[in-house]
Amino acid sequence: MSRKSLHEQVAAFTNATRLSIAHPLNRYKASSSFVNLPRHANMHWRGLLQPRSGAVNGLFEVDERLLPPVPASGRKSEFEPYDDAILCHCKPLNDCWENIGSENRYPDIPDRWDIYLLMRHQYDAIAFTGKNRAAIIRRTDATYRTILKLRDWEADPAGGLYRRTRVKSQLRRRLGRNPYPYEIERAHAKTALTHLGYKLPGKPKPRHDDWPKRLRDLGFEIEIAKDIKPTRHVSMTIKQQRDYQERYPERGILIL
């Protein structure tokens, strides 16, 4: 039995493989809350929101992969999360072309990979937006035991270690090629959350109704905003970026 507190054990686990959100990122005009994050009809937006300062940093991408990691030679340019920085994922508003089974067919439900990242890395919260709803999902003291359960399962040769290898081979057979790393991570995250008890119903209506309760059962705190409207976001001008940097020099926002 470890003599470390639950908080210390979780901190050691989530800081072990820190998720890097790297430059270059686009800077968007300050957002007052998670309901005003950038959204796009056909692209994902991933980034960071810092509620205290209103900093919004992110990048639009066609696919679901994370923002690029920082190369070893560019560590000085890495964006360090400060205060209560929130990892954000805004899903495409147009889901009519998505394949059956894709999580993008349910834009008003959080992505399971994002929930996994919230437990596996150093963030205290994630935010997502869809067509009509937005939400912030926060870790609490009640989430610690769930995170440590994930830690123990991932370290178990008959559990997470085996499943990660199995996921990779299953994807190779299904795709007919070697899977990309982010595809393996997505599949592994889904398996891990199923192990923890977060298994979503197959039908859309029960899935939309049940996900908040299932996450609360794992110890998460959830704030949901309904009937949000799409917002138009404009990238900051160079002058706005410089003014912002002068106003918040301690935040580490870099102008490239």
C-alpha atoms as a PDB file:
ATOM      1  CA  MET A   1       0.000   0.000   0.000  1.00  0.00           C
ATOM      2  CA  SER A   2       1.424   3.357  -1.041  1.00  0.00           C
ATOM      3  CA  ARG A   3       1.996   5.887   1.721  1.00  0.00           C
ATOM      4  CA  LYS A   4       1.353   8.735  -0.709  1.00  0.00           C
ATOM      5  CA  SER A   5      -2.004  10.507  -0.556  1.00  0.00           C
ATOM      6  CA  LEU A   6      -4.529   9.992  -3.344  1.00  0.00           C
ATOM      7  CA  HIS A   7      -3.727  13.467  -4.639  1.00  0.00           C
ATOM      8  CA  GLU A   8       0.023  12.737  -4.733  1.00  0.00           C
ATOM      9  CA  GLN A   9      -0.524   9.427  -6.525  1.00  0.00           C
ATOM     10  CA  VAL A  10      -2.763  11.042  -9.135  1.00  0.00           C
ATOM     11  CA  ALA A  11      -0.272  13.892  -9.644  1.00  0.00           C
ATOM     12  CA  ALA A  12       2.555  11.393 -10.203  1.00  0.00           C
ATOM     13  CA  PHE A  13       0.449   9.451 -12.721  1.00  0.00           C
ATOM     14  CA  THR A  14      -0.905  12.400 -14.714  1.00  0.00           C
ATOM     15  CA  ASN A  15       2.440  14.210 -14.900  1.00  0.00           C
ATOM     16  CA  ALA A  16       4.378  11.144 -16.026  1.00  0.00           C
ATOM     17  CA  THR A  17       3.553  11.568 -19.734  1.00  0.00           C
ATOM     18  CA  ARG A  18       2.573  15.192 -20.030  1.00  0.00           C
ATOM     19  CA  LEU A  19       0.425  16.120 -22.987  1.00  0.00           C
ATOM     20  CA  SER A  20       2.062  18.880 -25.007  1.00  0.00           C
ATOM     21  CA  ILE A  21      -0.001  21.555 -26.677  1.00  0.00           C
ATOM     22  CA  ALA A  22       2.540  23.097 -29.011  1.00  0.00           C
ATOM     23  CA  HIS A  23       3.147  26.218 -30.989  1.00  0.00           C
ATOM     24  CA  PRO A  24       2.371  27.338 -33.580  1.00  0.00           C
ATOM     25  CA  LEU A  25      -1.234  27.929 -32.485  1.00  0.00           C
ATOM     26  CA  ASN A  26      -3.757  30.464 -33.663  1.00  0.00           C
ATOM     27  CA  ARG A  27      -4.775  33.082 -31.100  1.00  0.00           C
ATOM     28  CA  TYR A  28      -8.445  33.931 -31.024  1.00  0.00           C
ATOM     29  CA  LYS A  29     -10.159  36.888 -29.443  1.00  0.00           C
ATOM     30  CA  ALA A  30     -10.714  36.387 -25.728  1.00  0.00           C
ATOM     31  CA  SER A  31     -13.621  34.135 -24.833  1.00  0.00           C
ATOM     32  CA  SER A  32     -15.718  34.877 -21.763  1.00  0.00           C
ATOM     33  CA  SER A  33     -16.717  31.246 -21.273  1.00  0.00           C
ATOM     34  CA  PHE A  34     -16.729  27.777 -22.802  1.00  0.00           C
ATOM     35  CA  VAL A  35     -19.974  28.498 -24.697  1.00  0.00           C
ATOM     36  CA  ASN A  36     -18.135  31.035 -26.892  1.00  0.00           C
ATOM     37  CA  LEU A  37     -15.300  28.834 -28.124  1.00  0.00           C
ATOM     38  CA  PRO A  38     -14.470  28.772 -31.869  1.00  0.00           C
ATOM     39  CA  ARG A  39     -16.595  26.420 -33.949  1.00  0.00           C
ATOM     40  CA  HIS A  40     -16.621  25.381 -37.582  1.00  0.00           C
ATOM     41  CA  ALA A  41     -19.100  23.563 -39.822  1.00  0.00           C
ATOM     42  CA  ASN A  42     -16.691  20.860 -41.013  1.00  0.00           C
ATOM     43  CA  MET A  43     -13.551  20.987 -38.860  1.00  0.00           C
ATOM     44  CA  HIS A  44     -12.494  20.178 -35.320  1.00  0.00           C
ATOM     45  CA  TRP A  45     -11.068  22.898 -33.109  1.00  0.00           C
ATOM     46  CA  ARG A  46      -8.703  21.829 -30.347  1.00  0.00           C
ATOM     47  CA  GLY A  47      -6.966  24.165 -27.989  1.00  0.00           C
ATOM     48  CA  LEU A  48      -6.757  25.713 -24.535  1.00  0.00           C
ATOM     49  CA  LEU A  49      -8.976  28.190 -22.721  1.00  0.00           C
ATOM     50  CA  GLN A  50      -7.664  30.065 -19.684  1.00  0.00           C
ATOM     51  CA  PRO A  51     -10.775  31.448 -17.968  1.00  0.00           C
ATOM     52  CA  ARG A  52      -8.964  33.916 -15.694  1.00  0.00           C
ATOM     53  CA  SER A  53      -7.292  35.795 -18.513  1.00  0.00           C
ATOM     54  CA  GLY A  54      -9.626  34.869 -21.354  1.00  0.00           C
ATOM     55  CA  ALA A  55      -6.751  33.452 -23.406  1.00  0.00           C
ATOM     56  CA  VAL A  56      -7.936  31.243 -26.271  1.00  0.00           C
ATOM     57  CA  ASN A  57      -5.255  29.296 -28.175  1.00  0.00           C
ATOM     58  CA  GLY A  58      -6.031  26.553 -30.634  1.00  0.00           C
ATOM     59  CA  LEU A  59      -6.059  25.146 -34.139  1.00  0.00           C
ATOM     60  CA  PHE A  60      -8.677  23.977 -36.645  1.00  0.00           C
ATOM     61  CA  GLU A  61      -8.087  20.512 -38.114  1.00  0.00           C
ATOM     62  CA  VAL A  62     -10.076  18.318 -40.483  1.00  0.00           C
ATOM     63  CA  ASP A  63      -9.443  15.150 -38.461  1.00  0.00           C
ATOM     64  CA  GLU A  64      -9.593  14.326 -34.778  1.00  0.00           C
ATOM     65  CA  ARG A  65      -5.926  14.065 -33.931  1.00  0.00           C
ATOM     66  CA  LEU A  66      -4.410  16.220 -31.228  1.00  0.00           C
ATOM     67  CA  LEU A  67      -2.410  19.344 -31.829  1.00  0.00           C
ATOM     68  CA  PRO A  68       1.190  18.543 -32.778  1.00  0.00           C
ATOM     69  CA  PRO A  69       3.617  17.758 -29.937  1.00  0.00           C
ATOM     70  CA  VAL A  70       6.615  19.942 -29.260  1.00  0.00           C
ATOM     71  CA  PRO A  71       9.864  18.738 -30.872  1.00  0.00           C
ATOM     72  CA  ALA A  72      12.778  18.263 -28.483  1.00  0.00           C
ATOM     73  CA  SER A  73      14.580  21.250 -30.022  1.00  0.00           C
ATOM     74  CA  GLY A  74      11.625  23.578 -29.429  1.00  0.00           C
ATOM     75  CA  ARG A  75      10.843  23.067 -25.757  1.00  0.00           C
ATOM     76  CA  LYS A  76      11.208  26.774 -25.066  1.00  0.00           C
ATOM     77  CA  SER A  77       8.213  27.464 -27.285  1.00  0.00           C
ATOM     78  CA  GLU A  78       5.939  25.040 -25.491  1.00  0.00           C
ATOM     79  CA  PHE A  79       2.674  26.381 -24.135  1.00  0.00           C
ATOM     80  CA  GLU A  80       2.606  25.623 -20.412  1.00  0.00           C
ATOM     81  CA  PRO A  81      -0.867  25.332 -18.861  1.00  0.00           C
ATOM     82  CA  TYR A  82      -1.367  27.927 -16.152  1.00  0.00           C
ATOM     83  CA  ASP A  83      -3.976  28.297 -13.428  1.00  0.00           C
ATOM     84  CA  ASP A  84      -7.109  26.436 -14.453  1.00  0.00           C
ATOM     85  CA  ALA A  85      -6.338  26.013 -18.173  1.00  0.00           C
ATOM     86  CA  ILE A  86      -9.033  23.919 -19.849  1.00  0.00           C
ATOM     87  CA  LEU A  87      -8.405  21.548 -22.740  1.00  0.00           C
ATOM     88  CA  CYS A  88     -11.062  22.229 -25.398  1.00  0.00           C
ATOM     89  CA  HIS A  89     -12.520  20.267 -28.290  1.00  0.00           C
ATOM     90  CA  CYS A  90     -15.203  21.819 -30.484  1.00  0.00           C
ATOM     91  CA  LYS A  91     -16.744  19.285 -32.838  1.00  0.00           C
ATOM     92  CA  PRO A  92     -17.862  19.960 -36.418  1.00  0.00           C
ATOM     93  CA  LEU A  93     -21.404  21.304 -36.563  1.00  0.00           C
ATOM     94  CA  ASN A  94     -22.172  19.384 -39.764  1.00  0.00           C
ATOM     95  CA  ASP A  95     -22.246  15.660 -38.933  1.00  0.00           C
ATOM     96  CA  CYS A  96     -24.330  14.418 -41.874  1.00  0.00           C
ATOM     97  CA  TRP A  97     -21.315  12.850 -43.651  1.00  0.00           C
ATOM     98  CA  GLU A  98     -19.885  11.032 -40.667  1.00  0.00           C
ATOM     99  CA  ASN A  99     -19.618   7.254 -40.722  1.00  0.00           C
ATOM    100  CA  ILE A 100     -21.910   5.182 -38.537  1.00  0.00           C
ATOM    101  CA  GLY A 101     -20.115   4.531 -35.282  1.00  0.00           C
ATOM    102  CA  SER A 102     -18.035   7.711 -35.437  1.00  0.00           C
ATOM    103  CA  GLU A 103     -18.228   9.831 -32.308  1.00  0.00           C
ATOM    104  CA  ASN A 104     -18.681  12.847 -34.575  1.00  0.00           C
ATOM    105  CA  ARG A 105     -22.203  11.639 -35.287  1.00  0.00           C
ATOM    106  CA  TYR A 106     -22.958  12.715 -31.722  1.00  0.00           C
ATOM    107  CA  PRO A 107     -21.548  16.263 -31.508  1.00  0.00           C
ATOM    108  CA  ASP A 108     -23.480  17.002 -28.288  1.00  0.00           C
ATOM    109  CA  ILE A 109     -21.739  14.148 -26.438  1.00  0.00           C
ATOM    110  CA  PRO A 110     -18.129  14.459 -25.199  1.00  0.00           C
ATOM    111  CA  ASP A 111     -15.492  12.482 -27.052  1.00  0.00           C
ATOM    112  CA  ARG A 112     -14.288   9.458 -25.073  1.00  0.00           C
ATOM    113  CA  TRP A 113     -10.697  10.239 -26.004  1.00  0.00           C
ATOM    114  CA  ASP A 114     -11.053  13.665 -24.369  1.00  0.00           C
ATOM    115  CA  ILE A 115     -12.369  12.095 -21.171  1.00  0.00           C
ATOM    116  CA  TYR A 116      -9.426   9.694 -21.193  1.00  0.00           C
ATOM    117  CA  LEU A 117      -6.995  12.618 -21.634  1.00  0.00           C
ATOM    118  CA  LEU A 118      -8.592  14.356 -18.659  1.00  0.00           C
ATOM    119  CA  MET A 119      -7.742  11.353 -16.493  1.00  0.00           C
ATOM    120  CA  ARG A 120      -4.378  10.537 -18.044  1.00  0.00           C
ATOM    121  CA  HIS A 121      -2.787  13.991 -18.209  1.00  0.00           C
ATOM    122  CA  GLN A 122      -2.391  17.095 -16.105  1.00  0.00           C
ATOM    123  CA  TYR A 123      -5.540  19.009 -17.023  1.00  0.00           C
ATOM    124  CA  ASP A 124      -8.191  19.682 -14.406  1.00  0.00           C
ATOM    125  CA  ALA A 125     -11.027  20.087 -16.905  1.00  0.00           C
ATOM    126  CA  ILE A 126     -12.083  19.642 -20.523  1.00  0.00           C
ATOM    127  CA  ALA A 127     -14.670  21.624 -22.455  1.00  0.00           C
ATOM    128  CA  PHE A 128     -16.519  20.608 -25.578  1.00  0.00           C
ATOM    129  CA  THR A 129     -19.121  22.166 -27.815  1.00  0.00           C
ATOM    130  CA  GLY A 130     -21.449  20.579 -30.316  1.00  0.00           C
ATOM    131  CA  LYS A 131     -24.497  21.723 -32.238  1.00  0.00           C
ATOM    132  CA  ASN A 132     -26.789  22.681 -29.385  1.00  0.00           C
ATOM    133  CA  ARG A 133     -24.892  21.996 -26.171  1.00  0.00           C
ATOM    134  CA  ALA A 134     -21.621  22.865 -24.539  1.00  0.00           C
ATOM    135  CA  ALA A 135     -20.162  21.495 -21.331  1.00  0.00           C
ATOM    136  CA  ILE A 136     -17.215  21.607 -18.979  1.00  0.00           C
ATOM    137  CA  ILE A 137     -16.202  18.343 -17.309  1.00  0.00           C
ATOM    138  CA  ARG A 138     -13.992  18.787 -14.233  1.00  0.00           C
ATOM    139  CA  ARG A 139     -11.933  16.402 -12.151  1.00  0.00           C
ATOM    140  CA  THR A 140     -12.756  16.409  -8.438  1.00  0.00           C
ATOM    141  CA  ASP A 141     -11.440  14.601  -5.371  1.00  0.00           C
ATOM    142  CA  ALA A 142     -14.084  11.954  -6.092  1.00  0.00           C
ATOM    143  CA  THR A 143     -12.405  11.242  -9.456  1.00  0.00           C
ATOM    144  CA  TYR A 144      -9.088  10.238  -7.898  1.00  0.00           C
ATOM    145  CA  ARG A 145      -9.986   6.612  -7.241  1.00  0.00           C
ATOM    146  CA  THR A 146     -11.208   6.258 -10.845  1.00  0.00           C
ATOM    147  CA  ILE A 147      -7.908   7.680 -12.130  1.00  0.00           C
ATOM    148  CA  LEU A 148      -5.900   5.300  -9.938  1.00  0.00           C
ATOM    149  CA  LYS A 149      -8.032   2.414 -11.166  1.00  0.00           C
ATOM    150  CA  LEU A 150      -7.048   3.434 -14.713  1.00  0.00           C
ATOM    151  CA  ARG A 151      -3.385   3.606 -13.631  1.00  0.00           C
ATOM    152  CA  ASP A 152      -3.433   0.096 -12.197  1.00  0.00           C
ATOM    153  CA  TRP A 153      -5.263  -1.358 -15.214  1.00  0.00           C
ATOM    154  CA  GLU A 154      -2.844   0.215 -17.712  1.00  0.00           C
ATOM    155  CA  ALA A 155       0.143  -1.232 -15.818  1.00  0.00           C
ATOM    156  CA  ASP A 156      -1.363  -4.737 -15.645  1.00  0.00           C
ATOM    157  CA  PRO A 157       0.150  -7.145 -18.232  1.00  0.00           C
ATOM    158  CA  ALA A 158      -3.201  -8.968 -18.440  1.00  0.00           C
ATOM    159  CA  GLY A 159      -5.168  -5.712 -18.585  1.00  0.00           C
ATOM    160  CA  GLY A 160      -4.155  -2.441 -20.223  1.00  0.00           C
ATOM    161  CA  LEU A 161      -0.788  -3.593 -21.584  1.00  0.00           C
ATOM    162  CA  TYR A 162      -2.410  -6.564 -23.304  1.00  0.00           C
ATOM    163  CA  ARG A 163      -5.365  -4.534 -24.572  1.00  0.00           C
ATOM    164  CA  ARG A 164      -3.142  -1.844 -26.117  1.00  0.00           C
ATOM    165  CA  THR A 165      -1.251  -4.514 -28.106  1.00  0.00           C
ATOM    166  CA  ARG A 166      -4.524  -6.162 -29.082  1.00  0.00           C
ATOM    167  CA  VAL A 167      -6.038  -2.857 -30.198  1.00  0.00           C
ATOM    168  CA  LYS A 168      -3.063  -2.195 -32.483  1.00  0.00           C
ATOM    169  CA  SER A 169      -3.333  -5.603 -34.203  1.00  0.00           C
ATOM    170  CA  GLN A 170      -7.128  -5.308 -34.528  1.00  0.00           C
ATOM    171  CA  LEU A 171      -6.814  -1.906 -36.192  1.00  0.00           C
ATOM    172  CA  ARG A 172      -4.145  -3.210 -38.579  1.00  0.00           C
ATOM    173  CA  ARG A 173      -6.451  -6.000 -39.739  1.00  0.00           C
ATOM    174  CA  ARG A 174      -9.477  -3.725 -40.036  1.00  0.00           C
ATOM    175  CA  LEU A 175      -7.719  -0.839 -41.809  1.00  0.00           C
ATOM    176  CA  GLY A 176      -5.423  -2.963 -43.976  1.00  0.00           C
ATOM    177  CA  ARG A 177      -2.444  -0.820 -42.966  1.00  0.00           C
ATOM    178  CA  ASN A 178      -0.447   0.122 -39.913  1.00  0.00           C
ATOM    179  CA  PRO A 179      -2.621   2.451 -37.802  1.00  0.00           C
ATOM    180  CA  TYR A 180      -1.504   5.952 -36.946  1.00  0.00           C
ATOM    181  CA  PRO A 181      -0.536   6.504 -33.289  1.00  0.00           C
ATOM    182  CA  TYR A 182      -3.591   8.667 -32.614  1.00  0.00           C
ATOM    183  CA  GLU A 183      -5.871   5.926 -33.978  1.00  0.00           C
ATOM    184  CA  ILE A 184      -4.352   3.459 -31.520  1.00  0.00           C
ATOM    185  CA  GLU A 185      -4.754   5.934 -28.670  1.00  0.00           C
ATOM    186  CA  ARG A 186      -8.413   6.575 -29.522  1.00  0.00           C
ATOM    187  CA  ALA A 187      -9.192   2.840 -29.585  1.00  0.00           C
ATOM    188  CA  HIS A 188      -7.267   2.287 -26.359  1.00  0.00           C
ATOM    189  CA  ALA A 189      -9.147   5.138 -24.655  1.00  0.00           C
ATOM    190  CA  LYS A 190     -12.487   3.582 -25.579  1.00  0.00           C
ATOM    191  CA  THR A 191     -11.390   0.227 -24.125  1.00  0.00           C
ATOM    192  CA  ALA A 192     -10.089   1.882 -20.949  1.00  0.00           C
ATOM    193  CA  LEU A 193     -13.315   3.788 -20.316  1.00  0.00           C
ATOM    194  CA  THR A 194     -15.347   0.624 -20.858  1.00  0.00           C
ATOM    195  CA  HIS A 195     -13.198  -1.062 -18.199  1.00  0.00           C
ATOM    196  CA  LEU A 196     -13.906   1.829 -15.805  1.00  0.00           C
ATOM    197  CA  GLY A 197     -17.658   1.490 -16.342  1.00  0.00           C
ATOM    198  CA  TYR A 198     -18.268   4.261 -18.873  1.00  0.00           C
ATOM    199  CA  LYS A 199     -20.048   2.334 -21.605  1.00  0.00           C
ATOM    200  CA  LEU A 200     -22.492   4.357 -23.668  1.00  0.00           C
ATOM    201  CA  PRO A 201     -25.784   2.935 -24.995  1.00  0.00           C
ATOM    202  CA  GLY A 202     -25.907   2.121 -28.692  1.00  0.00           C
ATOM    203  CA  LYS A 203     -29.034   4.162 -29.499  1.00  0.00           C
ATOM    204  CA  PRO A 204     -28.702   7.947 -29.883  1.00  0.00           C
ATOM    205  CA  LYS A 205     -31.453   9.097 -27.458  1.00  0.00           C
ATOM    206  CA  PRO A 206     -30.337   6.994 -24.454  1.00  0.00           C
ATOM    207  CA  ARG A 207     -26.744   7.980 -25.243  1.00  0.00           C
ATOM    208  CA  HIS A 208     -27.582  11.687 -25.145  1.00  0.00           C
ATOM    209  CA  ASP A 209     -29.567  11.253 -21.920  1.00  0.00           C
ATOM    210  CA  ASP A 210     -27.161   8.979 -20.038  1.00  0.00           C
ATOM    211  CA  TRP A 211     -23.636  10.338 -20.524  1.00  0.00           C
ATOM    212  CA  PRO A 212     -23.780  13.032 -17.759  1.00  0.00           C
ATOM    213  CA  LYS A 213     -24.916  10.530 -15.110  1.00  0.00           C
ATOM    214  CA  ARG A 214     -22.334   7.961 -16.173  1.00  0.00           C
ATOM    215  CA  LEU A 215     -19.534  10.517 -15.857  1.00  0.00           C
ATOM    216  CA  ARG A 216     -20.819  11.743 -12.498  1.00  0.00           C
ATOM    217  CA  ASP A 217     -20.770   8.126 -11.322  1.00  0.00           C
ATOM    218  CA  LEU A 218     -17.011   8.180 -12.052  1.00  0.00           C
ATOM    219  CA  GLY A 219     -16.608  11.280  -9.864  1.00  0.00           C
ATOM    220  CA  PHE A 220     -16.625  14.060 -12.461  1.00  0.00           C
ATOM    221  CA  GLU A 221     -18.375  17.399 -12.032  1.00  0.00           C
ATOM    222  CA  ILE A 222     -20.292  18.561 -15.113  1.00  0.00           C
ATOM    223  CA  GLU A 223     -21.652  21.957 -16.114  1.00  0.00           C
ATOM    224  CA  ILE A 224     -23.877  21.909 -19.200  1.00  0.00           C
ATOM    225  CA  ALA A 225     -25.150  24.834 -21.274  1.00  0.00           C
ATOM    226  CA  LYS A 226     -28.111  24.083 -23.573  1.00  0.00           C
ATOM    227  CA  ASP A 227     -29.347  25.731 -26.743  1.00  0.00           C
ATOM    228  CA  ILE A 228     -26.090  27.482 -27.585  1.00  0.00           C
ATOM    229  CA  LYS A 229     -25.783  29.403 -30.824  1.00  0.00           C
ATOM    230  CA  PRO A 230     -22.876  29.161 -33.284  1.00  0.00           C
ATOM    231  CA  THR A 231     -20.399  31.996 -32.784  1.00  0.00           C
ATOM    232  CA  ARG A 232     -18.102  33.601 -35.316  1.00  0.00           C
ATOM    233  CA  HIS A 233     -14.486  33.923 -34.205  1.00  0.00           C
ATOM    234  CA  VAL A 234     -11.758  36.024 -35.760  1.00  0.00           C
ATOM    235  CA  SER A 235      -8.050  35.497 -35.203  1.00  0.00           C
ATOM    236  CA  MET A 236      -6.294  38.230 -33.267  1.00  0.00           C
ATOM    237  CA  THR A 237      -4.363  40.811 -35.259  1.00  0.00           C
ATOM    238  CA  ILE A 238      -0.618  41.202 -34.602  1.00  0.00           C
ATOM    239  CA  LYS A 239      -1.340  44.399 -32.645  1.00  0.00           C
ATOM    240  CA  GLN A 240      -3.965  42.619 -30.513  1.00  0.00           C
ATOM    241  CA  GLN A 241      -1.527  39.801 -29.832  1.00  0.00           C
ATOM    242  CA  ARG A 242       1.173  42.225 -28.725  1.00  0.00           C
ATOM    243  CA  ASP A 243      -1.273  44.144 -26.537  1.00  0.00           C
ATOM    244  CA  TYR A 244      -2.369  40.869 -25.003  1.00  0.00           C
ATOM    245  CA  GLN A 245       1.203  39.778 -24.340  1.00  0.00           C
ATOM    246  CA  GLU A 246       1.931  43.100 -22.602  1.00  0.00           C
ATOM    247  CA  ARG A 247      -1.215  42.801 -20.509  1.00  0.00           C
ATOM    248  CA  TYR A 248      -0.567  39.213 -19.424  1.00  0.00           C
ATOM    249  CA  PRO A 249       3.217  38.724 -19.525  1.00  0.00           C
ATOM    250  CA  GLU A 250       3.089  36.109 -16.755  1.00  0.00           C
ATOM    251  CA  ARG A 251       0.811  33.868 -18.795  1.00  0.00           C
ATOM    252  CA  GLY A 252       3.561  32.755 -21.154  1.00  0.00           C
ATOM    253  CA  ILE A 253       1.680  33.590 -24.377  1.00  0.00           C
ATOM    254  CA  LEU A 254       4.309  33.671 -27.098  1.00  0.00           C
ATOM    255  CA  ILE A 255       4.046  35.654 -30.300  1.00  0.00           C
ATOM    256  CA  LEU A 256       5.706  33.879 -33.195  1.00  0.00           C
END
